[in-house]
Amino acid sequence: MSATVGIVLVSHSAELASGLRLLVEQIGSDTVPVVTAAGTDDGRIGTSYDLVLKALQDADRGAGVLILPDLGSSVLTTRTVLDDHPRADAVIADAPFVEGAVAAVVAAASGADLQAVAKSAEEARHVRKQ
């Protein structure tokens, strides 16, 4: 089996990210590595540079990594990590956190490449709920 795109969920809340990971793991089975970088190093609400960096390394299976931050400082923290550790195979998705993660995992599980996985996540913002 070829490598799949890894997914990193960057959130201010460990509980939020863990819940979303549980949801998308039901969709992607064991084929898509989904790693969280959530909360601060000491377990509070916030984001952690070190947790984001470690999650990028843990999610990497050779096909690239898509990063889905929830909001605000999680985006800034992720950008800082990528500025300090540049890599062409890591992309931040401008996508809704939940819907984007679901779409990304479905695309990654089907064998899509990093660009297609990112596009799927970003297109999730247009899915209507009524």
N, C-alpha and C. Protein backbone atom coordinates (compact mmCIF):
# COMPACT_ATOMS: atom_id res chain seq x y z
N MET A 1 0.83 -1.18 0.00
CA MET A 1 0.00 0.00 0.00
C MET A 1 0.88 1.25 0.00
N SER A 2 0.52 2.25 -0.78
CA SER A 2 1.31 3.47 -0.84
C SER A 2 1.02 4.36 0.37
N ALA A 3 1.91 5.30 0.60
CA ALA A 3 1.78 6.21 1.73
C ALA A 3 0.55 7.10 1.52
N THR A 4 -0.09 7.47 2.63
CA THR A 4 -1.23 8.38 2.57
C THR A 4 -0.85 9.71 3.20
N VAL A 5 -1.58 10.73 2.82
CA VAL A 5 -1.40 12.04 3.41
C VAL A 5 -1.78 11.99 4.88
N GLY A 6 -0.95 12.56 5.72
CA GLY A 6 -1.26 12.65 7.14
C GLY A 6 -2.04 13.92 7.42
N ILE A 7 -2.82 13.88 8.48
CA ILE A 7 -3.65 15.01 8.88
C ILE A 7 -3.25 15.42 10.29
N VAL A 8 -3.05 16.73 10.50
CA VAL A 8 -2.78 17.26 11.83
C VAL A 8 -3.91 18.22 12.19
N LEU A 9 -4.54 17.96 13.33
CA LEU A 9 -5.59 18.81 13.85
C LEU A 9 -5.00 19.70 14.94
N VAL A 10 -4.94 21.01 14.69
CA VAL A 10 -4.38 21.95 15.65
C VAL A 10 -5.53 22.71 16.28
N SER A 11 -5.68 22.55 17.57
CA SER A 11 -6.80 23.17 18.27
C SER A 11 -6.36 23.77 19.59
N HIS A 12 -7.13 24.71 20.07
CA HIS A 12 -6.92 25.28 21.40
C HIS A 12 -7.34 24.30 22.49
N SER A 13 -8.16 23.34 22.14
CA SER A 13 -8.75 22.43 23.12
C SER A 13 -8.38 20.98 22.81
N ALA A 14 -7.76 20.31 23.77
CA ALA A 14 -7.42 18.90 23.59
C ALA A 14 -8.68 18.06 23.43
N GLU A 15 -9.73 18.41 24.16
CA GLU A 15 -10.98 17.64 24.08
C GLU A 15 -11.62 17.79 22.71
N LEU A 16 -11.64 19.01 22.19
CA LEU A 16 -12.21 19.24 20.87
C LEU A 16 -11.46 18.44 19.80
N ALA A 17 -10.14 18.53 19.82
CA ALA A 17 -9.34 17.82 18.83
C ALA A 17 -9.47 16.31 18.97
N SER A 18 -9.49 15.82 20.20
CA SER A 18 -9.63 14.37 20.42
C SER A 18 -10.97 13.86 19.91
N GLY A 19 -12.02 14.62 20.16
CA GLY A 19 -13.34 14.23 19.67
C GLY A 19 -13.40 14.20 18.16
N LEU A 20 -12.81 15.21 17.53
CA LEU A 20 -12.79 15.23 16.07
C LEU A 20 -11.94 14.09 15.52
N ARG A 21 -10.82 13.81 16.17
CA ARG A 21 -9.99 12.68 15.73
C ARG A 21 -10.78 11.37 15.81
N LEU A 22 -11.52 11.16 16.88
CA LEU A 22 -12.33 9.95 16.99
C LEU A 22 -13.35 9.86 15.86
N LEU A 23 -13.97 10.99 15.53
CA LEU A 23 -14.95 11.01 14.45
C LEU A 23 -14.30 10.64 13.11
N VAL A 24 -13.21 11.31 12.77
CA VAL A 24 -12.61 11.07 11.45
C VAL A 24 -11.92 9.72 11.37
N GLU A 25 -11.47 9.18 12.49
CA GLU A 25 -10.88 7.84 12.45
C GLU A 25 -11.92 6.79 12.09
N GLN A 26 -13.18 7.03 12.40
CA GLN A 26 -14.25 6.12 12.00
C GLN A 26 -14.42 6.14 10.48
N ILE A 27 -14.09 7.26 9.87
CA ILE A 27 -14.24 7.41 8.42
C ILE A 27 -13.00 6.88 7.70
N GLY A 28 -11.82 7.23 8.20
CA GLY A 28 -10.57 6.90 7.52
C GLY A 28 -9.97 5.59 7.94
N SER A 29 -10.60 4.92 8.89
CA SER A 29 -10.10 3.65 9.39
C SER A 29 -8.67 3.82 9.88
N ASP A 30 -7.85 2.84 9.64
CA ASP A 30 -6.45 2.90 10.06
C ASP A 30 -5.53 3.39 8.94
N THR A 31 -6.11 3.79 7.83
CA THR A 31 -5.29 4.12 6.67
C THR A 31 -4.73 5.53 6.70
N VAL A 32 -5.38 6.44 7.42
CA VAL A 32 -4.95 7.84 7.42
C VAL A 32 -4.43 8.20 8.81
N PRO A 33 -3.17 8.62 8.90
CA PRO A 33 -2.67 9.06 10.20
C PRO A 33 -3.27 10.42 10.56
N VAL A 34 -3.98 10.46 11.68
CA VAL A 34 -4.58 11.69 12.18
C VAL A 34 -3.98 11.95 13.55
N VAL A 35 -3.31 13.09 13.67
CA VAL A 35 -2.59 13.43 14.90
C VAL A 35 -3.09 14.78 15.39
N THR A 36 -3.22 14.92 16.70
CA THR A 36 -3.65 16.18 17.27
C THR A 36 -2.48 16.93 17.89
N ALA A 37 -2.58 18.25 17.80
CA ALA A 37 -1.68 19.17 18.51
C ALA A 37 -2.62 20.17 19.17
N ALA A 38 -2.99 19.89 20.41
CA ALA A 38 -4.08 20.65 21.01
C ALA A 38 -3.79 21.02 22.45
N GLY A 39 -4.15 22.24 22.78
CA GLY A 39 -3.90 22.73 24.12
C GLY A 39 -2.44 23.11 24.29
N THR A 40 -2.13 23.54 25.50
CA THR A 40 -0.76 23.94 25.82
C THR A 40 0.02 22.74 26.34
N ASP A 41 1.32 22.92 26.50
CA ASP A 41 2.17 21.83 27.00
C ASP A 41 1.75 21.36 28.40
N ASP A 42 1.13 22.25 29.17
CA ASP A 42 0.72 21.87 30.53
C ASP A 42 -0.79 21.62 30.64
N GLY A 43 -1.46 21.41 29.50
CA GLY A 43 -2.84 20.96 29.50
C GLY A 43 -3.90 22.04 29.54
N ARG A 44 -3.51 23.29 29.41
CA ARG A 44 -4.51 24.36 29.41
C ARG A 44 -5.02 24.61 27.98
N ILE A 45 -6.03 25.46 27.88
CA ILE A 45 -6.53 25.91 26.58
C ILE A 45 -5.46 26.80 25.95
N GLY A 46 -5.18 26.58 24.68
CA GLY A 46 -4.18 27.36 23.98
C GLY A 46 -3.52 26.51 22.92
N THR A 47 -2.40 27.00 22.40
CA THR A 47 -1.66 26.23 21.40
C THR A 47 -0.19 26.14 21.79
N SER A 48 0.48 25.15 21.26
CA SER A 48 1.86 24.88 21.61
C SER A 48 2.70 24.64 20.37
N TYR A 49 3.73 25.43 20.22
CA TYR A 49 4.68 25.28 19.13
C TYR A 49 5.24 23.86 19.13
N ASP A 50 5.68 23.38 20.29
CA ASP A 50 6.30 22.06 20.38
C ASP A 50 5.33 20.94 20.01
N LEU A 51 4.07 21.07 20.42
CA LEU A 51 3.08 20.04 20.07
C LEU A 51 2.79 20.03 18.57
N VAL A 52 2.74 21.20 17.95
CA VAL A 52 2.51 21.27 16.50
C VAL A 52 3.69 20.64 15.76
N LEU A 53 4.90 20.97 16.16
CA LEU A 53 6.09 20.41 15.51
C LEU A 53 6.11 18.89 15.63
N LYS A 54 5.84 18.37 16.81
CA LYS A 54 5.82 16.92 17.02
C LYS A 54 4.71 16.25 16.21
N ALA A 55 3.53 16.88 16.16
CA ALA A 55 2.42 16.31 15.41
C ALA A 55 2.74 16.22 13.92
N LEU A 56 3.42 17.23 13.38
CA LEU A 56 3.82 17.18 11.97
C LEU A 56 4.73 15.99 11.71
N GLN A 57 5.66 15.76 12.61
CA GLN A 57 6.58 14.63 12.46
C GLN A 57 5.83 13.30 12.60
N ASP A 58 4.91 13.23 13.55
CA ASP A 58 4.18 11.98 13.80
C ASP A 58 3.19 11.62 12.69
N ALA A 59 2.65 12.64 12.02
CA ALA A 59 1.65 12.38 10.97
C ALA A 59 2.28 12.06 9.62
N ASP A 60 3.55 12.35 9.47
CA ASP A 60 4.22 12.20 8.18
C ASP A 60 4.49 10.74 7.86
N ARG A 61 3.86 10.26 6.78
CA ARG A 61 4.08 8.90 6.30
C ARG A 61 4.69 8.90 4.91
N GLY A 62 5.15 10.08 4.47
CA GLY A 62 5.83 10.17 3.18
C GLY A 62 5.02 10.78 2.05
N ALA A 63 3.74 11.06 2.27
CA ALA A 63 2.91 11.64 1.20
C ALA A 63 2.51 13.08 1.51
N GLY A 64 3.08 13.64 2.54
CA GLY A 64 2.76 15.01 2.91
C GLY A 64 1.81 15.06 4.09
N VAL A 65 1.65 16.27 4.61
CA VAL A 65 0.82 16.48 5.80
C VAL A 65 -0.08 17.68 5.56
N LEU A 66 -1.36 17.50 5.81
CA LEU A 66 -2.32 18.59 5.77
C LEU A 66 -2.61 19.01 7.20
N ILE A 67 -2.52 20.31 7.46
CA ILE A 67 -2.74 20.83 8.80
C ILE A 67 -4.04 21.61 8.81
N LEU A 68 -4.90 21.27 9.78
CA LEU A 68 -6.17 21.95 9.94
C LEU A 68 -6.19 22.64 11.31
N PRO A 69 -5.94 23.94 11.35
CA PRO A 69 -6.03 24.66 12.62
C PRO A 69 -7.47 25.11 12.88
N ASP A 70 -7.83 25.24 14.17
CA ASP A 70 -9.20 25.66 14.44
C ASP A 70 -9.39 27.16 14.24
N LEU A 71 -8.61 27.99 14.89
CA LEU A 71 -8.78 29.44 14.74
C LEU A 71 -7.62 30.20 15.36
N GLY A 72 -7.57 31.49 15.02
CA GLY A 72 -6.66 32.44 15.65
C GLY A 72 -5.23 31.99 15.84
N SER A 73 -4.84 31.86 17.11
CA SER A 73 -3.43 31.59 17.41
C SER A 73 -3.00 30.20 16.97
N SER A 74 -3.92 29.29 16.74
CA SER A 74 -3.49 27.98 16.22
C SER A 74 -2.96 28.14 14.80
N VAL A 75 -3.53 29.05 14.04
CA VAL A 75 -3.04 29.35 12.70
C VAL A 75 -1.66 30.00 12.80
N LEU A 76 -1.54 30.98 13.68
CA LEU A 76 -0.26 31.69 13.83
C LEU A 76 0.83 30.76 14.33
N THR A 77 0.51 29.89 15.28
CA THR A 77 1.49 28.95 15.79
C THR A 77 1.94 28.00 14.69
N THR A 78 1.00 27.50 13.92
CA THR A 78 1.33 26.60 12.82
C THR A 78 2.20 27.29 11.78
N ARG A 79 1.86 28.52 11.43
CA ARG A 79 2.67 29.27 10.47
C ARG A 79 4.10 29.45 10.99
N THR A 80 4.23 29.75 12.28
CA THR A 80 5.55 29.94 12.87
C THR A 80 6.37 28.66 12.80
N VAL A 81 5.75 27.54 13.12
CA VAL A 81 6.44 26.25 13.03
C VAL A 81 6.92 26.01 11.60
N LEU A 82 6.05 26.26 10.64
CA LEU A 82 6.44 26.03 9.24
C LEU A 82 7.48 27.03 8.75
N ASP A 83 7.44 28.25 9.27
CA ASP A 83 8.49 29.23 8.93
C ASP A 83 9.85 28.77 9.47
N ASP A 84 9.84 28.24 10.69
CA ASP A 84 11.08 27.79 11.32
C ASP A 84 11.58 26.46 10.78
N HIS A 85 10.66 25.63 10.30
CA HIS A 85 10.98 24.29 9.78
C HIS A 85 10.30 24.12 8.42
N PRO A 86 10.77 24.85 7.41
CA PRO A 86 10.10 24.82 6.11
C PRO A 86 10.08 23.42 5.50
N ARG A 87 8.95 23.09 4.93
CA ARG A 87 8.83 21.83 4.20
C ARG A 87 7.75 21.99 3.13
N ALA A 88 8.10 21.56 1.95
CA ALA A 88 7.20 21.69 0.80
C ALA A 88 6.02 20.74 0.90
N ASP A 89 6.13 19.73 1.73
CA ASP A 89 5.08 18.71 1.82
C ASP A 89 4.17 18.89 3.03
N ALA A 90 4.07 20.12 3.54
CA ALA A 90 3.14 20.43 4.63
C ALA A 90 2.34 21.67 4.26
N VAL A 91 1.02 21.55 4.31
CA VAL A 91 0.13 22.61 3.86
C VAL A 91 -0.90 22.89 4.94
N ILE A 92 -1.14 24.18 5.18
CA ILE A 92 -2.23 24.59 6.07
C ILE A 92 -3.48 24.74 5.22
N ALA A 93 -4.56 24.10 5.62
CA ALA A 93 -5.82 24.20 4.89
C ALA A 93 -6.62 25.38 5.42
N ASP A 94 -7.11 26.21 4.52
CA ASP A 94 -8.02 27.29 4.87
C ASP A 94 -9.43 26.69 4.77
N ALA A 95 -9.78 25.97 5.83
CA ALA A 95 -10.99 25.16 5.80
C ALA A 95 -11.68 25.16 7.16
N PRO A 96 -12.98 24.89 7.18
CA PRO A 96 -13.65 24.73 8.47
C PRO A 96 -13.07 23.51 9.19
N PHE A 97 -12.95 23.62 10.50
CA PHE A 97 -12.25 22.60 11.27
C PHE A 97 -12.89 21.22 11.15
N VAL A 98 -14.15 21.11 11.46
CA VAL A 98 -14.82 19.79 11.45
C VAL A 98 -15.06 19.30 10.03
N GLU A 99 -15.76 20.09 9.23
CA GLU A 99 -16.09 19.66 7.88
C GLU A 99 -14.84 19.45 7.04
N GLY A 100 -13.86 20.32 7.23
CA GLY A 100 -12.61 20.19 6.50
C GLY A 100 -11.86 18.91 6.86
N ALA A 101 -11.86 18.59 8.14
CA ALA A 101 -11.19 17.36 8.58
C ALA A 101 -11.86 16.12 8.00
N VAL A 102 -13.17 16.10 8.01
CA VAL A 102 -13.90 14.96 7.45
C VAL A 102 -13.59 14.82 5.96
N ALA A 103 -13.68 15.91 5.22
CA ALA A 103 -13.42 15.86 3.78
C ALA A 103 -11.98 15.46 3.50
N ALA A 104 -11.04 15.97 4.29
CA ALA A 104 -9.63 15.65 4.09
C ALA A 104 -9.36 14.17 4.33
N VAL A 105 -9.92 13.63 5.38
CA VAL A 105 -9.70 12.22 5.69
C VAL A 105 -10.32 11.32 4.61
N VAL A 106 -11.50 11.67 4.14
CA VAL A 106 -12.12 10.88 3.07
C VAL A 106 -11.22 10.89 1.84
N ALA A 107 -10.72 12.07 1.47
CA ALA A 107 -9.85 12.16 0.29
C ALA A 107 -8.55 11.40 0.50
N ALA A 108 -7.94 11.57 1.67
CA ALA A 108 -6.68 10.88 1.95
C ALA A 108 -6.87 9.36 1.95
N ALA A 109 -7.98 8.89 2.51
CA ALA A 109 -8.26 7.46 2.57
C ALA A 109 -8.44 6.87 1.17
N SER A 110 -8.88 7.71 0.24
CA SER A 110 -9.07 7.22 -1.13
C SER A 110 -7.77 7.23 -1.93
N GLY A 111 -6.68 7.72 -1.31
CA GLY A 111 -5.39 7.73 -1.98
C GLY A 111 -5.03 9.03 -2.66
N ALA A 112 -5.82 10.08 -2.42
CA ALA A 112 -5.54 11.37 -3.06
C ALA A 112 -4.20 11.94 -2.59
N ASP A 113 -3.59 12.75 -3.45
CA ASP A 113 -2.34 13.39 -3.09
C ASP A 113 -2.62 14.62 -2.21
N LEU A 114 -1.54 15.25 -1.75
CA LEU A 114 -1.67 16.36 -0.80
C LEU A 114 -2.50 17.51 -1.37
N GLN A 115 -2.28 17.87 -2.62
CA GLN A 115 -3.06 18.98 -3.21
C GLN A 115 -4.54 18.65 -3.26
N ALA A 116 -4.88 17.45 -3.62
CA ALA A 116 -6.29 17.05 -3.70
C ALA A 116 -6.93 16.97 -2.31
N VAL A 117 -6.16 16.51 -1.33
CA VAL A 117 -6.68 16.45 0.04
C VAL A 117 -6.94 17.87 0.55
N ALA A 118 -6.01 18.78 0.29
CA ALA A 118 -6.19 20.17 0.71
C ALA A 118 -7.40 20.79 0.01
N LYS A 119 -7.54 20.53 -1.27
CA LYS A 119 -8.68 21.07 -2.02
C LYS A 119 -10.00 20.54 -1.46
N SER A 120 -10.04 19.26 -1.14
CA SER A 120 -11.26 18.68 -0.56
C SER A 120 -11.62 19.35 0.76
N ALA A 121 -10.61 19.56 1.60
CA ALA A 121 -10.85 20.22 2.89
C ALA A 121 -11.38 21.63 2.68
N GLU A 122 -10.76 22.37 1.78
CA GLU A 122 -11.15 23.76 1.57
C GLU A 122 -12.51 23.88 0.91
N GLU A 123 -12.87 22.94 0.06
CA GLU A 123 -14.19 22.97 -0.58
C GLU A 123 -15.30 22.65 0.41
N ALA A 124 -14.96 22.07 1.54
CA ALA A 124 -15.97 21.73 2.54
C ALA A 124 -16.67 22.96 3.10
N ARG A 125 -16.06 24.13 2.96
CA ARG A 125 -16.69 25.35 3.45
C ARG A 125 -17.96 25.70 2.68
N HIS A 126 -18.14 25.11 1.52
CA HIS A 126 -19.31 25.44 0.68
C HIS A 126 -20.45 24.44 0.84
N VAL A 127 -20.31 23.46 1.70
CA VAL A 127 -21.38 22.48 1.88
C VAL A 127 -22.48 23.11 2.73
N ARG A 128 -23.64 23.20 2.13
CA ARG A 128 -24.80 23.80 2.81
C ARG A 128 -25.43 22.81 3.78
N LYS A 129 -26.01 23.34 4.83
CA LYS A 129 -26.65 22.50 5.84
C LYS A 129 -28.16 22.59 5.80
N GLN A 130 -28.69 23.24 4.79
CA GLN A 130 -30.15 23.25 4.61
C GLN A 130 -30.50 23.30 3.15
